[in-house]
Protein backbone atom coordinates (compact mmCIF):
# COMPACT_ATOMS: atom_id res chain seq x y z
CA MET A 1 -0.31 0.49 -0.16
CA ASN A 2 1.44 3.45 -0.93
CA ILE A 3 0.13 6.65 0.88
CA GLU A 4 1.81 10.21 0.48
CA ILE A 5 1.48 12.21 3.51
CA ASP A 6 3.82 15.27 3.84
CA ARG A 7 7.08 16.18 6.02
CA GLN A 8 4.96 17.57 8.88
CA GLN A 9 2.06 14.63 8.73
CA GLY A 10 5.56 12.36 8.50
CA GLU A 11 6.79 14.09 11.67
CA ALA A 12 3.66 13.61 13.95
CA LEU A 13 3.29 9.88 12.69
CA VAL A 14 6.63 9.27 13.45
CA ASP A 15 6.38 11.03 16.79
CA LEU A 16 3.28 8.91 17.78
CA VAL A 17 5.40 5.77 16.88
CA GLU A 18 8.08 6.62 19.34
CA ARG A 19 5.56 7.33 22.04
CA ARG A 20 3.89 4.39 21.81
CA LEU A 21 7.81 2.36 21.56
CA GLY A 22 8.29 4.36 24.96
CA ASN A 23 5.35 2.75 26.87
CA ILE A 24 5.22 -0.45 25.16
CA SER A 25 8.63 -2.01 26.96
CA THR A 26 6.68 -1.16 30.47
CA GLU A 27 3.66 -2.64 29.88
CA ILE A 28 5.32 -5.92 28.46
CA ARG A 29 7.41 -6.00 32.02
CA HIS A 30 4.62 -5.69 33.86
CA THR A 31 2.46 -8.07 32.12
CA ASP A 32 1.80 -11.26 33.65
CA SER A 33 0.09 -12.80 31.03
CA ALA A 34 2.99 -14.99 28.49
CA ARG A 35 0.12 -14.64 25.20
CA LEU A 36 -0.09 -11.02 26.11
CA ARG A 37 3.34 -10.20 26.70
CA GLN A 38 4.45 -11.75 23.35
CA ASP A 39 1.41 -9.75 21.34
CA LEU A 40 3.25 -6.56 23.01
CA ARG A 41 6.52 -8.08 21.78
CA ASN A 42 5.21 -8.35 17.83
CA GLU A 43 3.91 -5.08 18.18
CA ARG A 44 7.10 -3.35 19.60
CA GLU A 45 9.03 -5.17 16.01
CA LEU A 46 6.02 -3.75 13.27
CA LEU A 47 6.23 0.06 15.44
CA ARG A 48 10.13 -0.57 15.05
CA GLY A 49 10.14 -1.68 11.38
CA LEU A 50 7.19 1.26 10.65
CA ARG A 51 9.26 4.32 12.33
CA THR A 52 12.60 2.78 9.99
CA VAL A 53 9.61 3.47 7.02
CA LEU A 54 8.56 6.63 8.26
CA THR A 55 12.47 8.43 9.12
CA PRO A 56 12.96 8.98 5.79
CA VAL A 57 9.86 10.64 5.58
CA ALA A 58 10.18 13.01 8.58
CA ALA A 59 13.63 14.05 7.38
């Protein structure tokens, strides 16, 4: 899928992804459920990939 966003939108998306990444490690540590912990780890990897794709747009 391709979408077009301007620099300001790219910066906003990177900021949102960075904030979520900052919170997700704490959630992983405080989660008792192994399944939820794995889901959060999967989400973290997805967000890291998204950040990589978005960073050139925001630069």
